mmCIF file of all heavy atoms, coordinates in Angstrom:
data_MODEL
# 
_entry.id   MODEL 
# 
loop_
_atom_site.group_PDB 
_atom_site.id 
_atom_site.type_symbol 
_atom_site.label_atom_id 
_atom_site.label_alt_id 
_atom_site.label_comp_id 
_atom_site.label_asym_id 
_atom_site.label_entity_id 
_atom_site.label_seq_id 
_atom_site.pdbx_PDB_ins_code 
_atom_site.Cartn_x 
_atom_site.Cartn_y 
_atom_site.Cartn_z 
_atom_site.occupancy 
_atom_site.B_iso_or_equiv 
_atom_site.pdbx_formal_charge 
_atom_site.auth_seq_id 
_atom_site.auth_comp_id 
_atom_site.auth_asym_id 
_atom_site.auth_atom_id 
_atom_site.pdbx_PDB_model_num 
ATOM 1   N N   . THR A 1 1  ? 4.595  -30.029 22.371 1.00 0.00 ? 1  THR A N   1 
ATOM 2   C CA  . THR A 1 1  ? 4.573  -28.768 21.531 1.00 0.00 ? 1  THR A CA  1 
ATOM 3   C C   . THR A 1 1  ? 5.898  -28.092 21.654 1.00 0.00 ? 1  THR A C   1 
ATOM 4   O O   . THR A 1 1  ? 6.843  -28.565 22.381 1.00 0.00 ? 1  THR A O   1 
ATOM 5   C CB  . THR A 1 1  ? 3.448  -27.913 21.977 1.00 0.00 ? 1  THR A CB  1 
ATOM 6   O OG1 . THR A 1 1  ? 3.249  -26.788 21.036 1.00 0.00 ? 1  THR A OG1 1 
ATOM 7   C CG2 . THR A 1 1  ? 3.615  -27.213 23.451 1.00 0.00 ? 1  THR A CG2 1 
ATOM 8   N N   . ASN A 1 2  ? 6.029  -26.885 21.043 1.00 0.00 ? 2  ASN A N   1 
ATOM 9   C CA  . ASN A 1 2  ? 7.312  -26.111 21.097 1.00 0.00 ? 2  ASN A CA  1 
ATOM 10  C C   . ASN A 1 2  ? 6.856  -24.630 20.849 1.00 0.00 ? 2  ASN A C   1 
ATOM 11  O O   . ASN A 1 2  ? 5.828  -24.347 20.318 1.00 0.00 ? 2  ASN A O   1 
ATOM 12  C CB  . ASN A 1 2  ? 8.249  -26.640 20.224 1.00 0.00 ? 2  ASN A CB  1 
ATOM 13  C CG  . ASN A 1 2  ? 8.236  -26.189 18.828 1.00 0.00 ? 2  ASN A CG  1 
ATOM 14  O OD1 . ASN A 1 2  ? 8.941  -25.265 18.401 1.00 0.00 ? 2  ASN A OD1 1 
ATOM 15  N ND2 . ASN A 1 2  ? 7.355  -26.667 18.012 1.00 0.00 ? 2  ASN A ND2 1 
ATOM 16  N N   . ALA A 1 3  ? 7.907  -23.727 21.145 1.00 0.00 ? 3  ALA A N   1 
ATOM 17  C CA  . ALA A 1 3  ? 7.659  -22.348 21.043 1.00 0.00 ? 3  ALA A CA  1 
ATOM 18  C C   . ALA A 1 3  ? 8.203  -21.750 19.673 1.00 0.00 ? 3  ALA A C   1 
ATOM 19  O O   . ALA A 1 3  ? 8.037  -20.564 19.479 1.00 0.00 ? 3  ALA A O   1 
ATOM 20  C CB  . ALA A 1 3  ? 8.266  -21.617 22.181 1.00 0.00 ? 3  ALA A CB  1 
ATOM 21  N N   . ARG A 1 4  ? 8.778  -22.543 18.863 1.00 0.00 ? 4  ARG A N   1 
ATOM 22  C CA  . ARG A 1 4  ? 9.369  -22.034 17.668 1.00 0.00 ? 4  ARG A CA  1 
ATOM 23  C C   . ARG A 1 4  ? 8.392  -21.971 16.460 1.00 0.00 ? 4  ARG A C   1 
ATOM 24  O O   . ARG A 1 4  ? 7.376  -22.684 16.463 1.00 0.00 ? 4  ARG A O   1 
ATOM 25  C CB  . ARG A 1 4  ? 10.612 -22.868 17.275 1.00 0.00 ? 4  ARG A CB  1 
ATOM 26  C CG  . ARG A 1 4  ? 11.629 -23.059 18.347 1.00 0.00 ? 4  ARG A CG  1 
ATOM 27  C CD  . ARG A 1 4  ? 12.920 -23.739 17.694 1.00 0.00 ? 4  ARG A CD  1 
ATOM 28  N NE  . ARG A 1 4  ? 14.007 -23.825 18.780 1.00 0.00 ? 4  ARG A NE  1 
ATOM 29  C CZ  . ARG A 1 4  ? 15.221 -24.063 18.518 1.00 0.00 ? 4  ARG A CZ  1 
ATOM 30  N NH1 . ARG A 1 4  ? 15.604 -24.223 17.250 1.00 0.00 ? 4  ARG A NH1 1 
ATOM 31  N NH2 . ARG A 1 4  ? 16.109 -24.147 19.484 1.00 0.00 ? 4  ARG A NH2 1 
ATOM 32  N N   . ALA A 1 5  ? 8.718  -21.128 15.487 1.00 0.00 ? 5  ALA A N   1 
ATOM 33  C CA  . ALA A 1 5  ? 7.929  -21.169 14.303 1.00 0.00 ? 5  ALA A CA  1 
ATOM 34  C C   . ALA A 1 5  ? 8.393  -22.241 13.405 1.00 0.00 ? 5  ALA A C   1 
ATOM 35  O O   . ALA A 1 5  ? 9.410  -22.955 13.616 1.00 0.00 ? 5  ALA A O   1 
ATOM 36  C CB  . ALA A 1 5  ? 8.250  -19.775 13.560 1.00 0.00 ? 5  ALA A CB  1 
ATOM 37  N N   . ASP A 1 6  ? 7.666  -22.576 12.369 1.00 0.00 ? 6  ASP A N   1 
ATOM 38  C CA  . ASP A 1 6  ? 8.038  -23.633 11.393 1.00 0.00 ? 6  ASP A CA  1 
ATOM 39  C C   . ASP A 1 6  ? 9.276  -23.250 10.702 1.00 0.00 ? 6  ASP A C   1 
ATOM 40  O O   . ASP A 1 6  ? 9.571  -22.136 10.334 1.00 0.00 ? 6  ASP A O   1 
ATOM 41  C CB  . ASP A 1 6  ? 6.978  -23.712 10.301 1.00 0.00 ? 6  ASP A CB  1 
ATOM 42  C CG  . ASP A 1 6  ? 5.984  -24.927 10.680 1.00 0.00 ? 6  ASP A CG  1 
ATOM 43  O OD1 . ASP A 1 6  ? 6.082  -25.580 11.662 1.00 0.00 ? 6  ASP A OD1 1 
ATOM 44  O OD2 . ASP A 1 6  ? 5.035  -25.219 9.783  1.00 0.00 ? 6  ASP A OD2 1 
ATOM 45  N N   . THR A 1 7  ? 10.067 -24.372 10.398 1.00 0.00 ? 7  THR A N   1 
ATOM 46  C CA  . THR A 1 7  ? 11.199 -24.139 9.483  1.00 0.00 ? 7  THR A CA  1 
ATOM 47  C C   . THR A 1 7  ? 10.688 -24.224 8.032  1.00 0.00 ? 7  THR A C   1 
ATOM 48  O O   . THR A 1 7  ? 9.640  -24.637 7.758  1.00 0.00 ? 7  THR A O   1 
ATOM 49  C CB  . THR A 1 7  ? 12.234 -25.328 9.680  1.00 0.00 ? 7  THR A CB  1 
ATOM 50  O OG1 . THR A 1 7  ? 11.550 -26.537 9.362  1.00 0.00 ? 7  THR A OG1 1 
ATOM 51  C CG2 . THR A 1 7  ? 12.698 -25.426 11.158 1.00 0.00 ? 7  THR A CG2 1 
ATOM 52  N N   . PRO A 1 8  ? 11.481 -23.765 7.081  1.00 0.00 ? 8  PRO A N   1 
ATOM 53  C CA  . PRO A 1 8  ? 11.035 -23.809 5.657  1.00 0.00 ? 8  PRO A CA  1 
ATOM 54  C C   . PRO A 1 8  ? 10.766 -25.238 5.264  1.00 0.00 ? 8  PRO A C   1 
ATOM 55  O O   . PRO A 1 8  ? 9.763  -25.598 4.511  1.00 0.00 ? 8  PRO A O   1 
ATOM 56  C CB  . PRO A 1 8  ? 12.247 -23.298 4.935  1.00 0.00 ? 8  PRO A CB  1 
ATOM 57  C CG  . PRO A 1 8  ? 12.867 -22.389 5.847  1.00 0.00 ? 8  PRO A CG  1 
ATOM 58  C CD  . PRO A 1 8  ? 12.745 -22.989 7.209  1.00 0.00 ? 8  PRO A CD  1 
ATOM 59  N N   . GLU A 1 9  ? 11.503 -26.246 5.827  1.00 0.00 ? 9  GLU A N   1 
ATOM 60  C CA  . GLU A 1 9  ? 11.190 -27.660 5.465  1.00 0.00 ? 9  GLU A CA  1 
ATOM 61  C C   . GLU A 1 9  ? 9.904  -28.088 6.064  1.00 0.00 ? 9  GLU A C   1 
ATOM 62  O O   . GLU A 1 9  ? 9.124  -28.823 5.332  1.00 0.00 ? 9  GLU A O   1 
ATOM 63  C CB  . GLU A 1 9  ? 12.332 -28.516 6.028  1.00 0.00 ? 9  GLU A CB  1 
ATOM 64  C CG  . GLU A 1 9  ? 13.689 -28.247 5.382  1.00 0.00 ? 9  GLU A CG  1 
ATOM 65  C CD  . GLU A 1 9  ? 14.413 -27.069 5.872  1.00 0.00 ? 9  GLU A CD  1 
ATOM 66  O OE1 . GLU A 1 9  ? 13.997 -26.492 6.884  1.00 0.00 ? 9  GLU A OE1 1 
ATOM 67  O OE2 . GLU A 1 9  ? 15.432 -26.621 5.222  1.00 0.00 ? 9  GLU A OE2 1 
ATOM 68  N N   . GLN A 1 10 ? 9.566  -27.705 7.216  1.00 0.00 ? 10 GLN A N   1 
ATOM 69  C CA  . GLN A 1 10 ? 8.317  -28.101 7.915  1.00 0.00 ? 10 GLN A CA  1 
ATOM 70  C C   . GLN A 1 10 ? 7.072  -27.422 7.077  1.00 0.00 ? 10 GLN A C   1 
ATOM 71  O O   . GLN A 1 10 ? 6.109  -28.013 6.871  1.00 0.00 ? 10 GLN A O   1 
ATOM 72  C CB  . GLN A 1 10 ? 8.357  -27.589 9.359  1.00 0.00 ? 10 GLN A CB  1 
ATOM 73  C CG  . GLN A 1 10 ? 9.125  -28.526 10.250 1.00 0.00 ? 10 GLN A CG  1 
ATOM 74  C CD  . GLN A 1 10 ? 9.277  -27.862 11.597 1.00 0.00 ? 10 GLN A CD  1 
ATOM 75  O OE1 . GLN A 1 10 ? 9.310  -26.600 11.778 1.00 0.00 ? 10 GLN A OE1 1 
ATOM 76  N NE2 . GLN A 1 10 ? 9.403  -28.788 12.588 1.00 0.00 ? 10 GLN A NE2 1 
ATOM 77  N N   . ALA A 1 11 ? 7.268  -26.182 6.696  1.00 0.00 ? 11 ALA A N   1 
ATOM 78  C CA  . ALA A 1 11 ? 6.242  -25.454 5.994  1.00 0.00 ? 11 ALA A CA  1 
ATOM 79  C C   . ALA A 1 11 ? 5.962  -26.107 4.624  1.00 0.00 ? 11 ALA A C   1 
ATOM 80  O O   . ALA A 1 11 ? 4.870  -26.241 4.159  1.00 0.00 ? 11 ALA A O   1 
ATOM 81  C CB  . ALA A 1 11 ? 6.670  -24.000 5.702  1.00 0.00 ? 11 ALA A CB  1 
ATOM 82  N N   . GLU A 1 12 ? 7.103  -26.632 3.911  1.00 0.00 ? 12 GLU A N   1 
ATOM 83  C CA  . GLU A 1 12 ? 6.850  -27.362 2.642  1.00 0.00 ? 12 GLU A CA  1 
ATOM 84  C C   . GLU A 1 12 ? 6.101  -28.600 2.829  1.00 0.00 ? 12 GLU A C   1 
ATOM 85  O O   . GLU A 1 12 ? 5.261  -28.939 2.022  1.00 0.00 ? 12 GLU A O   1 
ATOM 86  C CB  . GLU A 1 12 ? 8.299  -27.600 2.049  1.00 0.00 ? 12 GLU A CB  1 
ATOM 87  C CG  . GLU A 1 12 ? 8.232  -28.375 0.794  1.00 0.00 ? 12 GLU A CG  1 
ATOM 88  C CD  . GLU A 1 12 ? 7.278  -27.778 -0.242 1.00 0.00 ? 12 GLU A CD  1 
ATOM 89  O OE1 . GLU A 1 12 ? 7.232  -26.515 -0.410 1.00 0.00 ? 12 GLU A OE1 1 
ATOM 90  O OE2 . GLU A 1 12 ? 6.527  -28.501 -1.036 1.00 0.00 ? 12 GLU A OE2 1 
ATOM 91  N N   . ILE A 1 13 ? 6.397  -29.396 3.916  1.00 0.00 ? 13 ILE A N   1 
ATOM 92  C CA  . ILE A 1 13 ? 5.672  -30.541 4.218  1.00 0.00 ? 13 ILE A CA  1 
ATOM 93  C C   . ILE A 1 13 ? 4.185  -30.221 4.405  1.00 0.00 ? 13 ILE A C   1 
ATOM 94  O O   . ILE A 1 13 ? 3.271  -30.941 3.884  1.00 0.00 ? 13 ILE A O   1 
ATOM 95  C CB  . ILE A 1 13 ? 6.216  -31.300 5.545  1.00 0.00 ? 13 ILE A CB  1 
ATOM 96  C CG1 . ILE A 1 13 ? 7.593  -31.873 5.133  1.00 0.00 ? 13 ILE A CG1 1 
ATOM 97  C CG2 . ILE A 1 13 ? 5.216  -32.459 5.881  1.00 0.00 ? 13 ILE A CG2 1 
ATOM 98  C CD1 . ILE A 1 13 ? 8.303  -32.342 6.379  1.00 0.00 ? 13 ILE A CD1 1 
ATOM 99  N N   . ARG A 1 14 ? 3.862  -29.121 5.165  1.00 0.00 ? 14 ARG A N   1 
ATOM 100 C CA  . ARG A 1 14 ? 2.516  -28.771 5.333  1.00 0.00 ? 14 ARG A CA  1 
ATOM 101 C C   . ARG A 1 14 ? 1.818  -28.295 3.998  1.00 0.00 ? 14 ARG A C   1 
ATOM 102 O O   . ARG A 1 14 ? 0.704  -28.636 3.848  1.00 0.00 ? 14 ARG A O   1 
ATOM 103 C CB  . ARG A 1 14 ? 2.460  -27.646 6.321  1.00 0.00 ? 14 ARG A CB  1 
ATOM 104 C CG  . ARG A 1 14 ? 2.884  -27.972 7.760  1.00 0.00 ? 14 ARG A CG  1 
ATOM 105 C CD  . ARG A 1 14 ? 2.609  -26.896 8.774  1.00 0.00 ? 14 ARG A CD  1 
ATOM 106 N NE  . ARG A 1 14 ? 3.337  -27.052 9.906  1.00 0.00 ? 14 ARG A NE  1 
ATOM 107 C CZ  . ARG A 1 14 ? 2.994  -27.984 10.908 1.00 0.00 ? 14 ARG A CZ  1 
ATOM 108 N NH1 . ARG A 1 14 ? 1.919  -28.666 10.809 1.00 0.00 ? 14 ARG A NH1 1 
ATOM 109 N NH2 . ARG A 1 14 ? 3.785  -28.033 11.982 1.00 0.00 ? 14 ARG A NH2 1 
ATOM 110 N N   . SER A 1 15 ? 2.631  -27.643 3.163  1.00 0.00 ? 15 SER A N   1 
ATOM 111 C CA  . SER A 1 15 ? 2.105  -27.281 1.960  1.00 0.00 ? 15 SER A CA  1 
ATOM 112 C C   . SER A 1 15 ? 1.634  -28.500 1.121  1.00 0.00 ? 15 SER A C   1 
ATOM 113 O O   . SER A 1 15 ? 0.612  -28.503 0.399  1.00 0.00 ? 15 SER A O   1 
ATOM 114 C CB  . SER A 1 15 ? 3.106  -26.372 1.223  1.00 0.00 ? 15 SER A CB  1 
ATOM 115 O OG  . SER A 1 15 ? 3.284  -25.208 1.816  1.00 0.00 ? 15 SER A OG  1 
ATOM 116 N N   . LYS A 1 16 ? 2.504  -29.489 1.164  1.00 0.00 ? 16 LYS A N   1 
ATOM 117 C CA  . LYS A 1 16 ? 2.174  -30.687 0.364  1.00 0.00 ? 16 LYS A CA  1 
ATOM 118 C C   . LYS A 1 16 ? 0.884  -31.345 0.943  1.00 0.00 ? 16 LYS A C   1 
ATOM 119 O O   . LYS A 1 16 ? 0.094  -31.842 0.169  1.00 0.00 ? 16 LYS A O   1 
ATOM 120 C CB  . LYS A 1 16 ? 3.394  -31.639 0.499  1.00 0.00 ? 16 LYS A CB  1 
ATOM 121 C CG  . LYS A 1 16 ? 3.131  -32.973 -0.229 1.00 0.00 ? 16 LYS A CG  1 
ATOM 122 C CD  . LYS A 1 16 ? 4.415  -33.942 -0.068 1.00 0.00 ? 16 LYS A CD  1 
ATOM 123 C CE  . LYS A 1 16 ? 4.155  -35.184 -0.830 1.00 0.00 ? 16 LYS A CE  1 
ATOM 124 N NZ  . LYS A 1 16 ? 5.306  -36.082 -0.779 1.00 0.00 ? 16 LYS A NZ  1 
ATOM 125 N N   . GLN A 1 17 ? 0.732  -31.469 2.269  1.00 0.00 ? 17 GLN A N   1 
ATOM 126 C CA  . GLN A 1 17 ? -0.354 -31.987 2.862  1.00 0.00 ? 17 GLN A CA  1 
ATOM 127 C C   . GLN A 1 17 ? -1.726 -31.186 2.480  1.00 0.00 ? 17 GLN A C   1 
ATOM 128 O O   . GLN A 1 17 ? -2.748 -31.738 2.285  1.00 0.00 ? 17 GLN A O   1 
ATOM 129 C CB  . GLN A 1 17 ? -0.279 -32.094 4.369  1.00 0.00 ? 17 GLN A CB  1 
ATOM 130 C CG  . GLN A 1 17 ? 0.767  -33.059 4.773  1.00 0.00 ? 17 GLN A CG  1 
ATOM 131 C CD  . GLN A 1 17 ? 1.152  -33.027 6.283  1.00 0.00 ? 17 GLN A CD  1 
ATOM 132 O OE1 . GLN A 1 17 ? 0.695  -32.062 6.965  1.00 0.00 ? 17 GLN A OE1 1 
ATOM 133 N NE2 . GLN A 1 17 ? 1.949  -33.981 6.713  1.00 0.00 ? 17 GLN A NE2 1 
ATOM 134 N N   . ILE A 1 18 ? -1.497 -29.874 2.420  1.00 0.00 ? 18 ILE A N   1 
ATOM 135 C CA  . ILE A 1 18 ? -2.665 -29.068 1.998  1.00 0.00 ? 18 ILE A CA  1 
ATOM 136 C C   . ILE A 1 18 ? -3.047 -29.292 0.556  1.00 0.00 ? 18 ILE A C   1 
ATOM 137 O O   . ILE A 1 18 ? -4.291 -29.470 0.201  1.00 0.00 ? 18 ILE A O   1 
ATOM 138 C CB  . ILE A 1 18 ? -2.231 -27.530 2.157  1.00 0.00 ? 18 ILE A CB  1 
ATOM 139 C CG1 . ILE A 1 18 ? -2.242 -27.029 3.544  1.00 0.00 ? 18 ILE A CG1 1 
ATOM 140 C CG2 . ILE A 1 18 ? -3.208 -26.646 1.356  1.00 0.00 ? 18 ILE A CG2 1 
ATOM 141 C CD1 . ILE A 1 18 ? -1.678 -25.651 3.834  1.00 0.00 ? 18 ILE A CD1 1 
ATOM 142 N N   . ARG A 1 19 ? -2.074 -29.487 -0.323 1.00 0.00 ? 19 ARG A N   1 
ATOM 143 C CA  . ARG A 1 19 ? -2.365 -29.878 -1.710 1.00 0.00 ? 19 ARG A CA  1 
ATOM 144 C C   . ARG A 1 19 ? -3.068 -31.274 -1.742 1.00 0.00 ? 19 ARG A C   1 
ATOM 145 O O   . ARG A 1 19 ? -4.066 -31.307 -2.584 1.00 0.00 ? 19 ARG A O   1 
ATOM 146 C CB  . ARG A 1 19 ? -1.054 -29.942 -2.573 1.00 0.00 ? 19 ARG A CB  1 
ATOM 147 C CG  . ARG A 1 19 ? -0.434 -28.552 -2.752 1.00 0.00 ? 19 ARG A CG  1 
ATOM 148 C CD  . ARG A 1 19 ? 0.566  -28.572 -3.883 1.00 0.00 ? 19 ARG A CD  1 
ATOM 149 N NE  . ARG A 1 19 ? 1.754  -29.394 -3.500 1.00 0.00 ? 19 ARG A NE  1 
ATOM 150 C CZ  . ARG A 1 19 ? 2.834  -28.962 -2.805 1.00 0.00 ? 19 ARG A CZ  1 
ATOM 151 N NH1 . ARG A 1 19 ? 2.877  -27.731 -2.484 1.00 0.00 ? 19 ARG A NH1 1 
ATOM 152 N NH2 . ARG A 1 19 ? 3.852  -29.762 -2.615 1.00 0.00 ? 19 ARG A NH2 1 
ATOM 153 N N   . ILE A 1 20 ? -2.679 -32.173 -0.981 1.00 0.00 ? 20 ILE A N   1 
ATOM 154 C CA  . ILE A 1 20 ? -3.225 -33.544 -0.996 1.00 0.00 ? 20 ILE A CA  1 
ATOM 155 C C   . ILE A 1 20 ? -4.736 -33.364 -0.530 1.00 0.00 ? 20 ILE A C   1 
ATOM 156 O O   . ILE A 1 20 ? -5.670 -33.932 -1.154 1.00 0.00 ? 20 ILE A O   1 
ATOM 157 C CB  . ILE A 1 20 ? -2.539 -34.422 -0.053 1.00 0.00 ? 20 ILE A CB  1 
ATOM 158 C CG1 . ILE A 1 20 ? -1.177 -34.796 -0.698 1.00 0.00 ? 20 ILE A CG1 1 
ATOM 159 C CG2 . ILE A 1 20 ? -3.333 -35.721 0.176  1.00 0.00 ? 20 ILE A CG2 1 
ATOM 160 C CD1 . ILE A 1 20 ? -0.249 -35.550 0.300  1.00 0.00 ? 20 ILE A CD1 1 
ATOM 161 N N   . ALA A 1 21 ? -4.946 -32.662 0.525  1.00 0.00 ? 21 ALA A N   1 
ATOM 162 C CA  . ALA A 1 21 ? -6.336 -32.426 0.977  1.00 0.00 ? 21 ALA A CA  1 
ATOM 163 C C   . ALA A 1 21 ? -7.133 -31.730 0.024  1.00 0.00 ? 21 ALA A C   1 
ATOM 164 O O   . ALA A 1 21 ? -8.325 -32.033 -0.247 1.00 0.00 ? 21 ALA A O   1 
ATOM 165 C CB  . ALA A 1 21 ? -6.343 -31.671 2.351  1.00 0.00 ? 21 ALA A CB  1 
ATOM 166 N N   . ALA A 1 22 ? -6.623 -30.662 -0.611 1.00 0.00 ? 22 ALA A N   1 
ATOM 167 C CA  . ALA A 1 22 ? -7.346 -29.890 -1.544 1.00 0.00 ? 22 ALA A CA  1 
ATOM 168 C C   . ALA A 1 22 ? -7.685 -30.637 -2.891 1.00 0.00 ? 22 ALA A C   1 
ATOM 169 O O   . ALA A 1 22 ? -8.659 -30.292 -3.553 1.00 0.00 ? 22 ALA A O   1 
ATOM 170 C CB  . ALA A 1 22 ? -6.664 -28.597 -1.878 1.00 0.00 ? 22 ALA A CB  1 
ATOM 171 N N   . GLU A 1 23 ? -6.924 -31.658 -3.149 1.00 0.00 ? 23 GLU A N   1 
ATOM 172 C CA  . GLU A 1 23 ? -7.114 -32.411 -4.390 1.00 0.00 ? 23 GLU A CA  1 
ATOM 173 C C   . GLU A 1 23 ? -7.861 -33.685 -4.110 1.00 0.00 ? 23 GLU A C   1 
ATOM 174 O O   . GLU A 1 23 ? -7.894 -34.641 -5.028 1.00 0.00 ? 23 GLU A O   1 
ATOM 175 C CB  . GLU A 1 23 ? -5.760 -32.721 -5.042 1.00 0.00 ? 23 GLU A CB  1 
ATOM 176 C CG  . GLU A 1 23 ? -5.082 -31.435 -5.486 1.00 0.00 ? 23 GLU A CG  1 
ATOM 177 C CD  . GLU A 1 23 ? -3.628 -31.701 -5.917 1.00 0.00 ? 23 GLU A CD  1 
ATOM 178 O OE1 . GLU A 1 23 ? -3.154 -32.809 -5.856 1.00 0.00 ? 23 GLU A OE1 1 
ATOM 179 O OE2 . GLU A 1 23 ? -2.923 -30.701 -6.334 1.00 0.00 ? 23 GLU A OE2 1 
ATOM 180 N N   . GLY A 1 24 ? -8.524 -33.746 -3.003 1.00 0.00 ? 24 GLY A N   1 
ATOM 181 C CA  . GLY A 1 24 ? -9.400 -34.942 -2.772 1.00 0.00 ? 24 GLY A CA  1 
ATOM 182 C C   . GLY A 1 24 ? -8.828 -36.111 -2.044 1.00 0.00 ? 24 GLY A C   1 
ATOM 183 O O   . GLY A 1 24 ? -9.376 -37.195 -1.929 1.00 0.00 ? 24 GLY A O   1 
ATOM 184 N N   . GLY A 1 25 ? -7.479 -35.920 -1.612 1.00 0.00 ? 25 GLY A N   1 
ATOM 185 C CA  . GLY A 1 25 ? -6.845 -37.032 -0.944 1.00 0.00 ? 25 GLY A CA  1 
ATOM 186 C C   . GLY A 1 25 ? -6.840 -37.013 0.563  1.00 0.00 ? 25 GLY A C   1 
ATOM 187 O O   . GLY A 1 25 ? -5.970 -37.657 1.217  1.00 0.00 ? 25 GLY A O   1 
ATOM 188 N N   . TYR A 1 26 ? -7.762 -36.284 1.188  1.00 0.00 ? 26 TYR A N   1 
ATOM 189 C CA  . TYR A 1 26 ? -7.659 -36.035 2.578  1.00 0.00 ? 26 TYR A CA  1 
ATOM 190 C C   . TYR A 1 26 ? -7.765 -37.343 3.406  1.00 0.00 ? 26 TYR A C   1 
ATOM 191 O O   . TYR A 1 26 ? -7.152 -37.393 4.459  1.00 0.00 ? 26 TYR A O   1 
ATOM 192 C CB  . TYR A 1 26 ? -8.739 -35.060 3.047  1.00 0.00 ? 26 TYR A CB  1 
ATOM 193 C CG  . TYR A 1 26 ? -8.719 -34.737 4.509  1.00 0.00 ? 26 TYR A CG  1 
ATOM 194 C CD1 . TYR A 1 26 ? -7.812 -34.114 5.101  1.00 0.00 ? 26 TYR A CD1 1 
ATOM 195 C CD2 . TYR A 1 26 ? -9.857 -35.128 5.373  1.00 0.00 ? 26 TYR A CD2 1 
ATOM 196 C CE1 . TYR A 1 26 ? -7.786 -33.872 6.481  1.00 0.00 ? 26 TYR A CE1 1 
ATOM 197 C CE2 . TYR A 1 26 ? -9.848 -34.999 6.617  1.00 0.00 ? 26 TYR A CE2 1 
ATOM 198 C CZ  . TYR A 1 26 ? -8.831 -34.259 7.256  1.00 0.00 ? 26 TYR A CZ  1 
ATOM 199 O OH  . TYR A 1 26 ? -8.746 -34.039 8.709  1.00 0.00 ? 26 TYR A OH  1 
# 
């Protein structure tokens, strides 16, 4: 683990994974 917050790039990757999960691709 680490103590830092997400970078914008990491947040974008997570957003993409959220979209995949929300659209039935979990």
